[in-house]
Amino acid sequence: MPQKDVRAFAEEYERTRFPVHGILAAPPCDHFSVSGAQYWPAKDADGRTAEALEIVDACLEIVMDADPVWWALENPVGRLRALRGHVLSDLSGVGGGGPRLMFNPCDFGDPYTKKTLLWGKFNLPRLNPVEPLRVCEQGSWLQRLGGKSEKTKRLRSMTPPGFARAFCEANP
């Protein structure tokens, strides 16, 4: 099945309106993550930030149109809160611009850190905290990944299994 850009899917969904129980959205973080803050001015100037925000907005459009039982939008700590936080938290029903959940994988049994934010309307998953392993000076094994390869991006963006299990159990 060919991949479809979420912006095209949002337009298609507006026409079809099939029932949706839950939505997990993970728009690319390349242009929002605090780890790339030094590149934000260039990304703002050349349109990459605007294009990334179109993807976030398409995700939110689908959430508004579908009105699912639960939904969550994930992104790491960065500037998404400043750029779309109020819209995200208003849709979540929490207000104030902040996420509904901020967590590290070690909060759910995976022994590493990578602070992640979740906005949405969902049941909070049950915590299963463990001590994170420190594998380098910066801490997590993620900090040892270098470069910009697709493999590196995929590894950095993987959903921690412990969190995935806990979220699924809390949001059937």
Protein backbone atom coordinates (compact mmCIF):
# COMPACT_ATOMS: atom_id res chain seq x y z
CA MET A 1 0.00 0.00 0.00
CA PRO A 2 1.56 3.33 -0.96
CA GLN A 3 2.27 5.76 1.84
CA LYS A 4 0.05 8.80 1.94
CA ASP A 5 0.99 12.18 3.35
CA VAL A 6 -1.24 12.99 6.32
CA ARG A 7 -2.24 16.25 4.61
CA ALA A 8 -3.78 14.30 1.72
CA PHE A 9 -5.37 11.88 4.18
CA ALA A 10 -6.96 14.81 6.07
CA GLU A 11 -8.61 15.99 2.85
CA GLU A 12 -9.77 12.45 2.03
CA TYR A 13 -11.10 11.89 5.55
CA GLU A 14 -13.13 15.08 5.33
CA ARG A 15 -15.01 13.48 2.40
CA THR A 16 -15.38 9.92 3.76
CA ARG A 17 -15.84 10.34 7.52
CA PHE A 18 -15.53 6.69 8.55
CA PRO A 19 -15.74 5.95 12.31
CA VAL A 20 -12.44 6.22 14.22
CA HIS A 21 -11.89 4.85 17.73
CA GLY A 22 -8.39 6.18 18.44
CA ILE A 23 -5.68 8.23 16.78
CA LEU A 24 -1.93 8.14 17.41
CA ALA A 25 -0.11 10.99 15.68
CA ALA A 26 3.66 11.39 15.62
CA PRO A 27 4.50 14.24 13.25
CA PRO A 28 8.18 14.56 12.36
CA CYS A 29 10.14 16.28 15.11
CA ASP A 30 13.09 17.41 12.96
CA HIS A 31 12.00 21.04 12.97
CA PHE A 32 10.64 21.21 16.54
CA SER A 33 13.05 19.28 18.78
CA VAL A 34 15.19 21.33 21.16
CA SER A 35 18.22 19.29 20.08
CA GLY A 36 18.12 21.17 16.77
CA ALA A 37 17.41 24.64 18.17
CA GLN A 38 20.51 26.10 16.52
CA TYR A 39 18.90 25.38 13.12
CA TRP A 40 15.48 26.91 13.87
CA PRO A 41 16.19 30.33 12.28
CA ALA A 42 17.30 28.73 8.99
CA LYS A 43 14.32 26.36 9.00
CA ASP A 44 11.95 29.26 9.67
CA ALA A 45 13.49 31.26 6.84
CA ASP A 46 13.44 28.52 4.19
CA GLY A 47 9.92 27.21 4.90
CA ARG A 48 10.73 23.87 6.56
CA THR A 49 9.05 24.95 9.81
CA ALA A 50 5.91 26.08 7.98
CA GLU A 51 5.72 22.77 6.11
CA ALA A 52 6.18 20.78 9.33
CA LEU A 53 3.40 22.81 10.96
CA GLU A 54 1.12 21.94 8.03
CA ILE A 55 1.61 18.29 8.98
CA VAL A 56 0.78 19.00 12.63
CA ASP A 57 -2.28 20.98 11.56
CA ALA A 58 -3.44 18.13 9.29
CA CYS A 59 -3.16 15.73 12.25
CA LEU A 60 -5.25 18.10 14.37
CA GLU A 61 -7.79 18.52 11.57
CA ILE A 62 -8.27 14.75 11.46
CA VAL A 63 -8.69 14.68 15.26
CA MET A 64 -11.33 17.42 15.11
CA ASP A 65 -13.19 15.80 12.20
CA ALA A 66 -13.05 12.24 13.56
CA ASP A 67 -13.78 13.08 17.22
CA PRO A 68 -12.28 9.75 18.36
CA VAL A 69 -12.77 8.15 21.77
CA TRP A 70 -9.09 8.88 22.46
CA TRP A 71 -6.20 10.54 20.63
CA ALA A 72 -2.57 11.43 21.29
CA LEU A 73 0.00 13.54 19.46
CA GLU A 74 3.63 12.86 20.37
CA ASN A 75 6.67 15.08 20.00
CA PRO A 76 9.87 15.57 22.00
CA VAL A 77 10.61 18.59 24.12
CA GLY A 78 11.08 21.56 21.83
CA ARG A 79 9.13 24.36 20.28
CA LEU A 80 5.90 22.62 19.29
CA ARG A 81 4.49 23.81 22.60
CA ALA A 82 5.21 27.43 21.62
CA LEU A 83 3.97 27.01 18.04
CA ARG A 84 0.81 24.92 18.58
CA GLY A 85 0.59 24.25 22.33
CA HIS A 86 -2.61 26.19 22.96
CA VAL A 87 -4.44 24.50 20.08
CA LEU A 88 -3.19 21.09 21.24
CA SER A 89 -4.10 21.61 24.87
CA ASP A 90 -7.48 23.19 24.03
CA LEU A 91 -8.33 20.09 21.97
CA SER A 92 -7.08 17.96 24.86
CA GLY A 93 -9.28 19.83 27.29
CA VAL A 94 -6.35 20.67 29.57
CA GLY A 95 -5.75 24.29 28.53
CA GLY A 96 -2.67 26.34 29.26
CA GLY A 97 -0.55 25.20 26.31
CA GLY A 98 1.07 22.27 28.08
CA PRO A 99 0.99 18.59 27.22
CA ARG A 100 -1.21 16.07 29.02
CA LEU A 101 1.79 13.82 29.72
CA MET A 102 5.56 14.28 29.85
CA PHE A 103 7.53 11.08 30.25
CA ASN A 104 10.81 9.25 29.83
CA PRO A 105 10.93 5.62 28.68
CA CYS A 106 12.31 4.67 32.12
CA ASP A 107 8.93 5.72 33.59
CA PHE A 108 7.43 2.68 31.83
CA GLY A 109 10.12 0.02 32.28
CA ASP A 110 12.57 0.85 29.46
CA PRO A 111 15.88 1.78 31.15
CA TYR A 112 16.78 4.94 29.23
CA THR A 113 15.78 8.58 29.01
CA LYS A 114 14.27 10.57 26.16
CA LYS A 115 11.83 13.15 27.40
CA THR A 116 8.67 13.01 25.32
CA LEU A 117 5.48 15.08 25.37
CA LEU A 118 1.98 13.81 24.63
CA TRP A 119 -0.97 16.04 23.98
CA GLY A 120 -4.43 14.58 23.60
CA LYS A 121 -7.50 13.06 25.15
CA PHE A 122 -6.51 9.69 26.60
CA ASN A 123 -6.31 7.71 29.82
CA LEU A 124 -2.97 8.08 31.55
CA PRO A 125 -0.92 4.89 31.32
CA ARG A 126 0.17 3.12 34.51
CA LEU A 127 3.75 3.90 35.49
CA ASN A 128 6.37 1.16 35.85
CA PRO A 129 9.49 3.17 36.78
CA VAL A 130 12.99 1.72 36.50
CA GLU A 131 16.40 3.30 36.96
CA PRO A 132 17.76 4.50 33.60
CA LEU A 133 21.08 3.05 32.47
CA ARG A 134 23.82 5.60 31.92
CA VAL A 135 25.86 4.39 28.95
CA CYS A 136 27.78 7.54 28.08
CA GLU A 137 28.58 10.97 29.51
CA GLN A 138 25.25 12.38 28.30
CA GLY A 139 23.33 9.40 29.64
CA SER A 140 21.09 7.43 27.31
CA TRP A 141 22.18 5.14 24.48
CA LEU A 142 20.35 7.56 22.17
CA GLN A 143 23.07 10.16 22.73
CA ARG A 144 25.62 7.72 21.31
CA LEU A 145 23.85 7.71 17.96
CA GLY A 146 25.50 10.12 15.60
CA GLY A 147 24.83 11.32 12.13
CA LYS A 148 21.70 11.93 10.14
CA SER A 149 21.16 8.55 8.52
CA GLU A 150 17.67 7.12 8.14
CA LYS A 151 18.66 4.30 10.49
CA THR A 152 19.67 6.82 13.19
CA LYS A 153 16.42 8.76 12.74
CA ARG A 154 14.41 5.54 12.95
CA LEU A 155 16.18 4.43 16.15
CA ARG A 156 15.72 7.84 17.77
CA SER A 157 12.03 7.94 16.93
CA MET A 158 11.09 4.40 18.02
CA THR A 159 8.27 4.18 20.53
CA PRO A 160 9.56 2.60 23.75
CA PRO A 161 7.92 -0.84 24.12
CA GLY A 162 7.08 -0.39 27.82
CA PHE A 163 5.27 2.86 27.13
CA ALA A 164 3.47 1.39 24.09
CA ARG A 165 2.20 -1.52 26.18
CA ALA A 166 1.08 0.71 29.07
CA PHE A 167 -0.64 3.18 26.72
CA CYS A 168 -2.45 0.36 24.90
CA GLU A 169 -3.64 -1.16 28.18
CA ALA A 170 -4.94 2.21 29.40
CA ASN A 171 -6.62 3.10 26.09
CA PRO A 172 -8.33 0.04 24.61
